[in-house]
């Protein structure tokens, strides 16, 4: 799927540093204790949806600022959001 491939590419650049390559919340900055409290996408209490993921990227959430300016289009935000849902699905299998 082209959208998931593009979403992964963008995720690897902008998101994995904190959220980790697999979405477990164990990115490089978390492991170095530069950023704390990054949840796993599998955390049921978070109830992550594709819409909430888009919203969080667009507006920011808690200590995470907006990433809207890093993406070149709304389409890219949706592609990353869809990829996050794939990671969540992989974690909860």
PDB file of N, CA and C in Angstrom:
ATOM      1  N   UNK A   1       0.848  -1.185   0.000  1.00  0.00           N
ATOM      2  CA  UNK A   1       0.000   0.000   0.000  1.00  0.00           C
ATOM      3  C   UNK A   1       0.891   1.244   0.000  1.00  0.00           C
ATOM      4  N   UNK A   2       0.689   2.110  -0.966  1.00  0.00           N
ATOM      5  CA  UNK A   2       1.499   3.312  -1.135  1.00  0.00           C
ATOM      6  C   UNK A   2       1.352   4.257   0.061  1.00  0.00           C
ATOM      7  N   UNK A   3       0.128   4.408   0.576  1.00  0.00           N
ATOM      8  CA  UNK A   3      -0.092   5.308   1.702  1.00  0.00           C
ATOM      9  C   UNK A   3       0.632   4.839   2.962  1.00  0.00           C
ATOM     10  N   UNK A   4       0.601   3.537   3.234  1.00  0.00           N
ATOM     11  CA  UNK A   4       1.304   3.015   4.409  1.00  0.00           C
ATOM     12  C   UNK A   4       2.817   3.157   4.253  1.00  0.00           C
ATOM     13  N   UNK A   5       3.321   2.947   3.050  1.00  0.00           N
ATOM     14  CA  UNK A   5       4.757   3.089   2.800  1.00  0.00           C
ATOM     15  C   UNK A   5       5.205   4.532   3.036  1.00  0.00           C
ATOM     16  N   UNK A   6       4.429   5.480   2.539  1.00  0.00           N
ATOM     17  CA  UNK A   6       4.745   6.901   2.752  1.00  0.00           C
ATOM     18  C   UNK A   6       4.598   7.257   4.231  1.00  0.00           C
ATOM     19  N   UNK A   7       3.558   6.729   4.874  1.00  0.00           N
ATOM     20  CA  UNK A   7       3.367   6.961   6.303  1.00  0.00           C
ATOM     21  C   UNK A   7       4.544   6.454   7.115  1.00  0.00           C
ATOM     22  N   UNK A   8       5.057   5.264   6.772  1.00  0.00           N
ATOM     23  CA  UNK A   8       6.212   4.699   7.478  1.00  0.00           C
ATOM     24  C   UNK A   8       7.436   5.576   7.275  1.00  0.00           C
ATOM     25  N   UNK A   9       7.641   6.028   6.055  1.00  0.00           N
ATOM     26  CA  UNK A   9       8.794   6.879   5.748  1.00  0.00           C
ATOM     27  C   UNK A   9       8.771   8.147   6.612  1.00  0.00           C
ATOM     28  N   UNK A  10       7.625   8.797   6.678  1.00  0.00           N
ATOM     29  CA  UNK A  10       7.485  10.013   7.476  1.00  0.00           C
ATOM     30  C   UNK A  10       7.589   9.715   8.971  1.00  0.00           C
ATOM     31  N   UNK A  11       6.963   8.631   9.414  1.00  0.00           N
ATOM     32  CA  UNK A  11       7.016   8.220  10.823  1.00  0.00           C
ATOM     33  C   UNK A  11       8.462   8.003  11.255  1.00  0.00           C
ATOM     34  N   UNK A  12       9.221   7.295  10.410  1.00  0.00           N
ATOM     35  CA  UNK A  12      10.615   6.996  10.747  1.00  0.00           C
ATOM     36  C   UNK A  12      11.431   8.274  10.928  1.00  0.00           C
ATOM     37  N   UNK A  13      11.111   9.323  10.175  1.00  0.00           N
ATOM     38  CA  UNK A  13      11.834  10.595  10.266  1.00  0.00           C
ATOM     39  C   UNK A  13      11.385  11.409  11.472  1.00  0.00           C
ATOM     40  N   UNK A  14      10.066  11.568  11.645  1.00  0.00           N
ATOM     41  CA  UNK A  14       9.542  12.527  12.613  1.00  0.00           C
ATOM     42  C   UNK A  14       9.073  11.931  13.939  1.00  0.00           C
ATOM     43  N   UNK A  15       8.689  10.678  13.962  1.00  0.00           N
ATOM     44  CA  UNK A  15       8.007  10.113  15.139  1.00  0.00           C
ATOM     45  C   UNK A  15       8.824   9.092  15.918  1.00  0.00           C
ATOM     46  N   UNK A  16       9.591   8.277  15.197  1.00  0.00           N
ATOM     47  CA  UNK A  16      10.277   7.145  15.828  1.00  0.00           C
ATOM     48  C   UNK A  16      11.280   7.578  16.885  1.00  0.00           C
ATOM     49  N   UNK A  17      11.839   8.770  16.774  1.00  0.00           N
ATOM     50  CA  UNK A  17      12.833   9.247  17.739  1.00  0.00           C
ATOM     51  C   UNK A  17      12.276   9.240  19.164  1.00  0.00           C
ATOM     52  N   UNK A  18      10.967   9.452  19.303  1.00  0.00           N
ATOM     53  CA  UNK A  18      10.322   9.390  20.621  1.00  0.00           C
ATOM     54  C   UNK A  18       9.449   8.148  20.773  1.00  0.00           C
ATOM     55  N   UNK A  19       8.645   7.856  19.763  1.00  0.00           N
ATOM     56  CA  UNK A  19       7.658   6.778  19.865  1.00  0.00           C
ATOM     57  C   UNK A  19       8.235   5.398  19.574  1.00  0.00           C
ATOM     58  N   UNK A  20       9.439   5.333  19.026  1.00  0.00           N
ATOM     59  CA  UNK A  20      10.074   4.057  18.712  1.00  0.00           C
ATOM     60  C   UNK A  20       9.612   3.515  17.376  1.00  0.00           C
ATOM     61  N   UNK A  21      10.440   2.683  16.758  1.00  0.00           N
ATOM     62  CA  UNK A  21      10.141   2.137  15.426  1.00  0.00           C
ATOM     63  C   UNK A  21       8.887   1.282  15.403  1.00  0.00           C
ATOM     64  N   UNK A  22       8.559   0.683  16.540  1.00  0.00           N
ATOM     65  CA  UNK A  22       7.400  -0.211  16.612  1.00  0.00           C
ATOM     66  C   UNK A  22       6.215   0.417  17.335  1.00  0.00           C
ATOM     67  N   UNK A  23       6.368   1.667  17.798  1.00  0.00           N
ATOM     68  CA  UNK A  23       5.269   2.340  18.492  1.00  0.00           C
ATOM     69  C   UNK A  23       5.131   1.978  19.956  1.00  0.00           C
ATOM     70  N   UNK A  24       6.204   1.435  20.545  1.00  0.00           N
ATOM     71  CA  UNK A  24       6.155   1.020  21.953  1.00  0.00           C
ATOM     72  C   UNK A  24       6.493   2.145  22.915  1.00  0.00           C
ATOM     73  N   UNK A  25       6.793   3.335  22.372  1.00  0.00           N
ATOM     74  CA  UNK A  25       7.144   4.458  23.235  1.00  0.00           C
ATOM     75  C   UNK A  25       8.573   4.408  23.728  1.00  0.00           C
ATOM     76  N   UNK A  26       9.428   3.663  23.029  1.00  0.00           N
ATOM     77  CA  UNK A  26      10.811   3.496  23.474  1.00  0.00           C
ATOM     78  C   UNK A  26      11.795   3.972  22.407  1.00  0.00           C
ATOM     79  N   UNK A  27      11.568   5.181  21.912  1.00  0.00           N
ATOM     80  CA  UNK A  27      12.487   5.757  20.938  1.00  0.00           C
ATOM     81  C   UNK A  27      13.798   6.165  21.588  1.00  0.00           C
ATOM     82  N   UNK A  28      14.740   6.583  20.767  1.00  0.00           N
ATOM     83  CA  UNK A  28      16.074   6.941  21.241  1.00  0.00           C
ATOM     84  C   UNK A  28      16.042   8.004  22.331  1.00  0.00           C
ATOM     85  N   UNK A  29      15.240   9.046  22.156  1.00  0.00           N
ATOM     86  CA  UNK A  29      15.194  10.110  23.171  1.00  0.00           C
ATOM     87  C   UNK A  29      14.586   9.627  24.482  1.00  0.00           C
ATOM     88  N   UNK A  30      13.665   8.687  24.418  1.00  0.00           N
ATOM     89  CA  UNK A  30      13.084   8.112  25.633  1.00  0.00           C
ATOM     90  C   UNK A  30      14.130   7.260  26.339  1.00  0.00           C
ATOM     91  N   UNK A  31      14.836   6.446  25.578  1.00  0.00           N
ATOM     92  CA  UNK A  31      15.864   5.581  26.173  1.00  0.00           C
ATOM     93  C   UNK A  31      16.976   6.395  26.815  1.00  0.00           C
ATOM     94  N   UNK A  32      17.252   7.569  26.260  1.00  0.00           N
ATOM     95  CA  UNK A  32      18.280   8.454  26.837  1.00  0.00           C
ATOM     96  C   UNK A  32      17.710   9.350  27.934  1.00  0.00           C
ATOM     97  N   UNK A  33      16.442   9.140  28.264  1.00  0.00           N
ATOM     98  CA  UNK A  33      15.732   9.888  29.314  1.00  0.00           C
ATOM     99  C   UNK A  33      15.692  11.390  29.047  1.00  0.00           C
ATOM    100  N   UNK A  34      15.670  11.767  27.771  1.00  0.00           N
ATOM    101  CA  UNK A  34      15.500  13.170  27.379  1.00  0.00           C
ATOM    102  C   UNK A  34      14.017  13.547  27.386  1.00  0.00           C
ATOM    103  N   UNK A  35      13.172  12.549  27.126  1.00  0.00           N
ATOM    104  CA  UNK A  35      11.723  12.719  27.117  1.00  0.00           C
ATOM    105  C   UNK A  35      11.133  11.550  27.892  1.00  0.00           C
ATOM    106  N   UNK A  36      10.171  11.831  28.747  1.00  0.00           N
ATOM    107  CA  UNK A  36       9.563  10.784  29.570  1.00  0.00           C
ATOM    108  C   UNK A  36       8.065  10.688  29.291  1.00  0.00           C
ATOM    109  N   UNK A  37       7.487   9.546  29.590  1.00  0.00           N
ATOM    110  CA  UNK A  37       6.040   9.382  29.541  1.00  0.00           C
ATOM    111  C   UNK A  37       5.452   9.177  28.157  1.00  0.00           C
ATOM    112  N   UNK A  38       6.223   8.670  27.207  1.00  0.00           N
ATOM    113  CA  UNK A  38       5.690   8.397  25.869  1.00  0.00           C
ATOM    114  C   UNK A  38       5.019   7.017  25.910  1.00  0.00           C
ATOM    115  N   UNK A  39       3.705   6.961  25.680  1.00  0.00           N
ATOM    116  CA  UNK A  39       2.997   5.686  25.823  1.00  0.00           C
ATOM    117  C   UNK A  39       3.202   4.762  24.620  1.00  0.00           C
ATOM    118  N   UNK A  40       2.972   3.498  24.856  1.00  0.00           N
ATOM    119  CA  UNK A  40       2.902   2.530  23.762  1.00  0.00           C
ATOM    120  C   UNK A  40       1.567   2.703  23.058  1.00  0.00           C
ATOM    121  N   UNK A  41       1.553   2.511  21.749  1.00  0.00           N
ATOM    122  CA  UNK A  41       0.289   2.567  21.012  1.00  0.00           C
ATOM    123  C   UNK A  41      -0.647   1.441  21.434  1.00  0.00           C
ATOM    124  N   UNK A  42      -0.111   0.421  22.093  1.00  0.00           N
ATOM    125  CA  UNK A  42      -0.929  -0.707  22.549  1.00  0.00           C
ATOM    126  C   UNK A  42      -1.637  -0.421  23.867  1.00  0.00           C
ATOM    127  N   UNK A  43      -1.334   0.705  24.502  1.00  0.00           N
ATOM    128  CA  UNK A  43      -1.940   1.056  25.786  1.00  0.00           C
ATOM    129  C   UNK A  43      -3.442   1.271  25.601  1.00  0.00           C
ATOM    130  N   UNK A  44      -4.229   0.348  26.102  1.00  0.00           N
ATOM    131  CA  UNK A  44      -5.684   0.385  25.897  1.00  0.00           C
ATOM    132  C   UNK A  44      -6.319   1.649  26.474  1.00  0.00           C
ATOM    133  N   UNK A  45      -5.742   2.183  27.534  1.00  0.00           N
ATOM    134  CA  UNK A  45      -6.297   3.377  28.171  1.00  0.00           C
ATOM    135  C   UNK A  45      -6.221   4.599  27.259  1.00  0.00           C
ATOM    136  N   UNK A  46      -5.336   4.572  26.286  1.00  0.00           N
ATOM    137  CA  UNK A  46      -5.175   5.706  25.374  1.00  0.00           C
ATOM    138  C   UNK A  46      -6.261   5.737  24.292  1.00  0.00           C
ATOM    139  N   UNK A  47      -6.822   4.584  23.960  1.00  0.00           N
ATOM    140  CA  UNK A  47      -7.880   4.496  22.940  1.00  0.00           C
ATOM    141  C   UNK A  47      -7.513   5.265  21.667  1.00  0.00           C
ATOM    142  N   UNK A  48      -6.351   4.971  21.129  1.00  0.00           N
ATOM    143  CA  UNK A  48      -5.841   5.672  19.954  1.00  0.00           C
ATOM    144  C   UNK A  48      -6.650   5.274  18.713  1.00  0.00           C
ATOM    145  N   UNK A  49      -7.134   6.293  17.998  1.00  0.00           N
ATOM    146  CA  UNK A  49      -7.834   6.075  16.731  1.00  0.00           C
ATOM    147  C   UNK A  49      -7.098   6.841  15.642  1.00  0.00           C
ATOM    148  N   UNK A  50      -7.458   6.575  14.399  1.00  0.00           N
ATOM    149  CA  UNK A  50      -6.822   7.313  13.307  1.00  0.00           C
ATOM    150  C   UNK A  50      -7.128   8.800  13.416  1.00  0.00           C
ATOM    151  N   UNK A  51      -8.335   9.146  13.845  1.00  0.00           N
ATOM    152  CA  UNK A  51      -8.707  10.546  14.008  1.00  0.00           C
ATOM    153  C   UNK A  51      -7.987  11.219  15.156  1.00  0.00           C
ATOM    154  N   UNK A  52      -7.859  10.514  16.286  1.00  0.00           N
ATOM    155  CA  UNK A  52      -7.160  11.114  17.427  1.00  0.00           C
ATOM    156  C   UNK A  52      -5.669  11.266  17.132  1.00  0.00           C
ATOM    157  N   UNK A  53      -5.132  10.350  16.343  1.00  0.00           N
ATOM    158  CA  UNK A  53      -3.722  10.439  15.953  1.00  0.00           C
ATOM    159  C   UNK A  53      -3.495  11.657  15.069  1.00  0.00           C
ATOM    160  N   UNK A  54      -4.370  11.841  14.073  1.00  0.00           N
ATOM    161  CA  UNK A  54      -4.286  13.018  13.207  1.00  0.00           C
ATOM    162  C   UNK A  54      -4.382  14.299  14.052  1.00  0.00           C
ATOM    163  N   UNK A  55      -5.349  14.335  14.942  1.00  0.00           N
ATOM    164  CA  UNK A  55      -5.570  15.510  15.801  1.00  0.00           C
ATOM    165  C   UNK A  55      -4.327  15.805  16.640  1.00  0.00           C
ATOM    166  N   UNK A  56      -3.732  14.775  17.219  1.00  0.00           N
ATOM    167  CA  UNK A  56      -2.542  14.956  18.052  1.00  0.00           C
ATOM    168  C   UNK A  56      -1.371  15.491  17.243  1.00  0.00           C
ATOM    169  N   UNK A  57      -1.213  14.991  16.032  1.00  0.00           N
ATOM    170  CA  UNK A  57      -0.129  15.483  15.185  1.00  0.00           C
ATOM    171  C   UNK A  57      -0.384  16.924  14.746  1.00  0.00           C
ATOM    172  N   UNK A  58      -1.625  17.238  14.443  1.00  0.00           N
ATOM    173  CA  UNK A  58      -1.964  18.564  13.929  1.00  0.00           C
ATOM    174  C   UNK A  58      -1.881  19.636  15.021  1.00  0.00           C
ATOM    175  N   UNK A  59      -2.433  19.337  16.183  1.00  0.00           N
ATOM    176  CA  UNK A  59      -2.517  20.330  17.258  1.00  0.00           C
ATOM    177  C   UNK A  59      -1.496  20.134  18.373  1.00  0.00           C
ATOM    178  N   UNK A  60      -0.877  18.958  18.435  1.00  0.00           N
ATOM    179  CA  UNK A  60       0.002  18.634  19.537  1.00  0.00           C
ATOM    180  C   UNK A  60      -0.794  18.019  20.680  1.00  0.00           C
ATOM    181  N   UNK A  61      -0.103  17.385  21.616  1.00  0.00           N
ATOM    182  CA  UNK A  61      -0.754  16.757  22.765  1.00  0.00           C
ATOM    183  C   UNK A  61       0.248  16.711  23.914  1.00  0.00           C
ATOM    184  N   UNK A  62      -0.140  17.288  25.038  1.00  0.00           N
ATOM    185  CA  UNK A  62       0.737  17.346  26.217  1.00  0.00           C
ATOM    186  C   UNK A  62       2.088  17.956  25.832  1.00  0.00           C
ATOM    187  N   UNK A  63       3.174  17.260  26.061  1.00  0.00           N
ATOM    188  CA  UNK A  63       4.487  17.843  25.762  1.00  0.00           C
ATOM    189  C   UNK A  63       4.882  17.731  24.290  1.00  0.00           C
ATOM    190  N   UNK A  64       4.084  17.019  23.498  1.00  0.00           N
ATOM    191  CA  UNK A  64       4.365  16.905  22.064  1.00  0.00           C
ATOM    192  C   UNK A  64       3.734  18.092  21.335  1.00  0.00           C
ATOM    193  N   UNK A  65       4.551  18.856  20.649  1.00  0.00           N
ATOM    194  CA  UNK A  65       4.039  19.982  19.876  1.00  0.00           C
ATOM    195  C   UNK A  65       3.401  19.530  18.574  1.00  0.00           C
ATOM    196  N   UNK A  66       2.850  20.472  17.845  1.00  0.00           N
ATOM    197  CA  UNK A  66       2.252  20.188  16.545  1.00  0.00           C
ATOM    198  C   UNK A  66       3.318  19.781  15.536  1.00  0.00           C
ATOM    199  N   UNK A  67       2.964  18.823  14.686  1.00  0.00           N
ATOM    200  CA  UNK A  67       3.841  18.416  13.587  1.00  0.00           C
ATOM    201  C   UNK A  67       3.256  18.804  12.235  1.00  0.00           C
ATOM    202  N   UNK A  68       2.212  19.630  12.245  1.00  0.00           N
ATOM    203  CA  UNK A  68       1.558  20.029  10.995  1.00  0.00           C
ATOM    204  C   UNK A  68       2.533  20.740  10.062  1.00  0.00           C
ATOM    205  N   UNK A  69       3.426  21.544  10.603  1.00  0.00           N
ATOM    206  CA  UNK A  69       4.348  22.302   9.754  1.00  0.00           C
ATOM    207  C   UNK A  69       5.439  21.425   9.154  1.00  0.00           C
ATOM    208  N   UNK A  70       5.694  20.253   9.741  1.00  0.00           N
ATOM    209  CA  UNK A  70       6.702  19.350   9.193  1.00  0.00           C
ATOM    210  C   UNK A  70       6.178  18.568   7.993  1.00  0.00           C
ATOM    211  N   UNK A  71       4.875  18.391   7.926  1.00  0.00           N
ATOM    212  CA  UNK A  71       4.274  17.653   6.822  1.00  0.00           C
ATOM    213  C   UNK A  71       3.936  18.626   5.698  1.00  0.00           C
ATOM    214  N   UNK A  72       4.028  18.147   4.471  1.00  0.00           N
ATOM    215  CA  UNK A  72       3.783  19.051   3.344  1.00  0.00           C
ATOM    216  C   UNK A  72       2.309  19.135   2.961  1.00  0.00           C
ATOM    217  N   UNK A  73       1.487  18.269   3.574  1.00  0.00           N
ATOM    218  CA  UNK A  73       0.066  18.278   3.224  1.00  0.00           C
ATOM    219  C   UNK A  73      -0.739  17.543   4.291  1.00  0.00           C
ATOM    220  N   UNK A  74      -2.062  17.760   4.250  1.00  0.00           N
ATOM    221  CA  UNK A  74      -2.941  16.987   5.128  1.00  0.00           C
ATOM    222  C   UNK A  74      -2.844  15.504   4.794  1.00  0.00           C
ATOM    223  N   UNK A  75      -2.643  15.202   3.516  1.00  0.00           N
ATOM    224  CA  UNK A  75      -2.519  13.810   3.093  1.00  0.00           C
ATOM    225  C   UNK A  75      -1.390  13.112   3.849  1.00  0.00           C
ATOM    226  N   UNK A  76      -0.261  13.798   4.026  1.00  0.00           N
ATOM    227  CA  UNK A  76       0.850  13.185   4.756  1.00  0.00           C
ATOM    228  C   UNK A  76       0.488  12.942   6.216  1.00  0.00           C
ATOM    229  N   UNK A  77      -0.251  13.858   6.839  1.00  0.00           N
ATOM    230  CA  UNK A  77      -0.703  13.636   8.212  1.00  0.00           C
ATOM    231  C   UNK A  77      -1.573  12.381   8.295  1.00  0.00           C
ATOM    232  N   UNK A  78      -2.476  12.226   7.346  1.00  0.00           N
ATOM    233  CA  UNK A  78      -3.339  11.031   7.330  1.00  0.00           C
ATOM    234  C   UNK A  78      -2.527   9.771   7.066  1.00  0.00           C
ATOM    235  N   UNK A  79      -1.507   9.860   6.203  1.00  0.00           N
ATOM    236  CA  UNK A  79      -0.674   8.686   5.925  1.00  0.00           C
ATOM    237  C   UNK A  79       0.058   8.230   7.183  1.00  0.00           C
ATOM    238  N   UNK A  80       0.592   9.176   7.946  1.00  0.00           N
ATOM    239  CA  UNK A  80       1.258   8.820   9.203  1.00  0.00           C
ATOM    240  C   UNK A  80       0.243   8.252  10.190  1.00  0.00           C
ATOM    241  N   UNK A  81      -0.936   8.865  10.274  1.00  0.00           N
ATOM    242  CA  UNK A  81      -1.972   8.374  11.185  1.00  0.00           C
ATOM    243  C   UNK A  81      -2.364   6.936  10.849  1.00  0.00           C
ATOM    244  N   UNK A  82      -2.496   6.634   9.571  1.00  0.00           N
ATOM    245  CA  UNK A  82      -2.817   5.258   9.150  1.00  0.00           C
ATOM    246  C   UNK A  82      -1.679   4.303   9.515  1.00  0.00           C
ATOM    247  N   UNK A  83      -0.439   4.753   9.359  1.00  0.00           N
ATOM    248  CA  UNK A  83       0.699   3.905   9.718  1.00  0.00           C
ATOM    249  C   UNK A  83       0.726   3.645  11.227  1.00  0.00           C
ATOM    250  N   UNK A  84       0.402   4.658  12.026  1.00  0.00           N
ATOM    251  CA  UNK A  84       0.322   4.481  13.478  1.00  0.00           C
ATOM    252  C   UNK A  84      -0.717   3.409  13.818  1.00  0.00           C
ATOM    253  N   UNK A  85      -1.843   3.416  13.102  1.00  0.00           N
ATOM    254  CA  UNK A  85      -2.863   2.392  13.347  1.00  0.00           C
ATOM    255  C   UNK A  85      -2.327   0.995  12.998  1.00  0.00           C
ATOM    256  N   UNK A  86      -1.500   0.904  11.962  1.00  0.00           N
ATOM    257  CA  UNK A  86      -0.869  -0.378  11.616  1.00  0.00           C
ATOM    258  C   UNK A  86       0.053  -0.836  12.737  1.00  0.00           C
ATOM    259  N   UNK A  87       0.857   0.086  13.270  1.00  0.00           N
ATOM    260  CA  UNK A  87       1.739  -0.261  14.391  1.00  0.00           C
ATOM    261  C   UNK A  87       0.922  -0.719  15.597  1.00  0.00           C
ATOM    262  N   UNK A  88      -0.159   0.001  15.892  1.00  0.00           N
ATOM    263  CA  UNK A  88      -1.030  -0.376  17.021  1.00  0.00           C
ATOM    264  C   UNK A  88      -1.575  -1.785  16.812  1.00  0.00           C
ATOM    265  N   UNK A  89      -2.025  -2.067  15.608  1.00  0.00           N
ATOM    266  CA  UNK A  89      -2.553  -3.392  15.291  1.00  0.00           C
ATOM    267  C   UNK A  89      -1.487  -4.473  15.477  1.00  0.00           C
ATOM    268  N   UNK A  90      -0.263  -4.196  15.027  1.00  0.00           N
ATOM    269  CA  UNK A  90       0.831  -5.163  15.170  1.00  0.00           C
ATOM    270  C   UNK A  90       1.158  -5.410  16.637  1.00  0.00           C
ATOM    271  N   UNK A  91       1.066  -4.378  17.472  1.00  0.00           N
ATOM    272  CA  UNK A  91       1.385  -4.514  18.898  1.00  0.00           C
ATOM    273  C   UNK A  91       0.327  -5.290  19.663  1.00  0.00           C
ATOM    274  N   UNK A  92      -0.903  -5.263  19.177  1.00  0.00           N
ATOM    275  CA  UNK A  92      -2.000  -5.887  19.928  1.00  0.00           C
ATOM    276  C   UNK A  92      -2.390  -7.249  19.373  1.00  0.00           C
ATOM    277  N   UNK A  93      -1.594  -7.795  18.488  1.00  0.00           N
ATOM    278  CA  UNK A  93      -1.893  -9.135  17.937  1.00  0.00           C
ATOM    279  C   UNK A  93      -1.556 -10.207  18.929  1.00  0.00           C
TER     280      UNK A  93
END
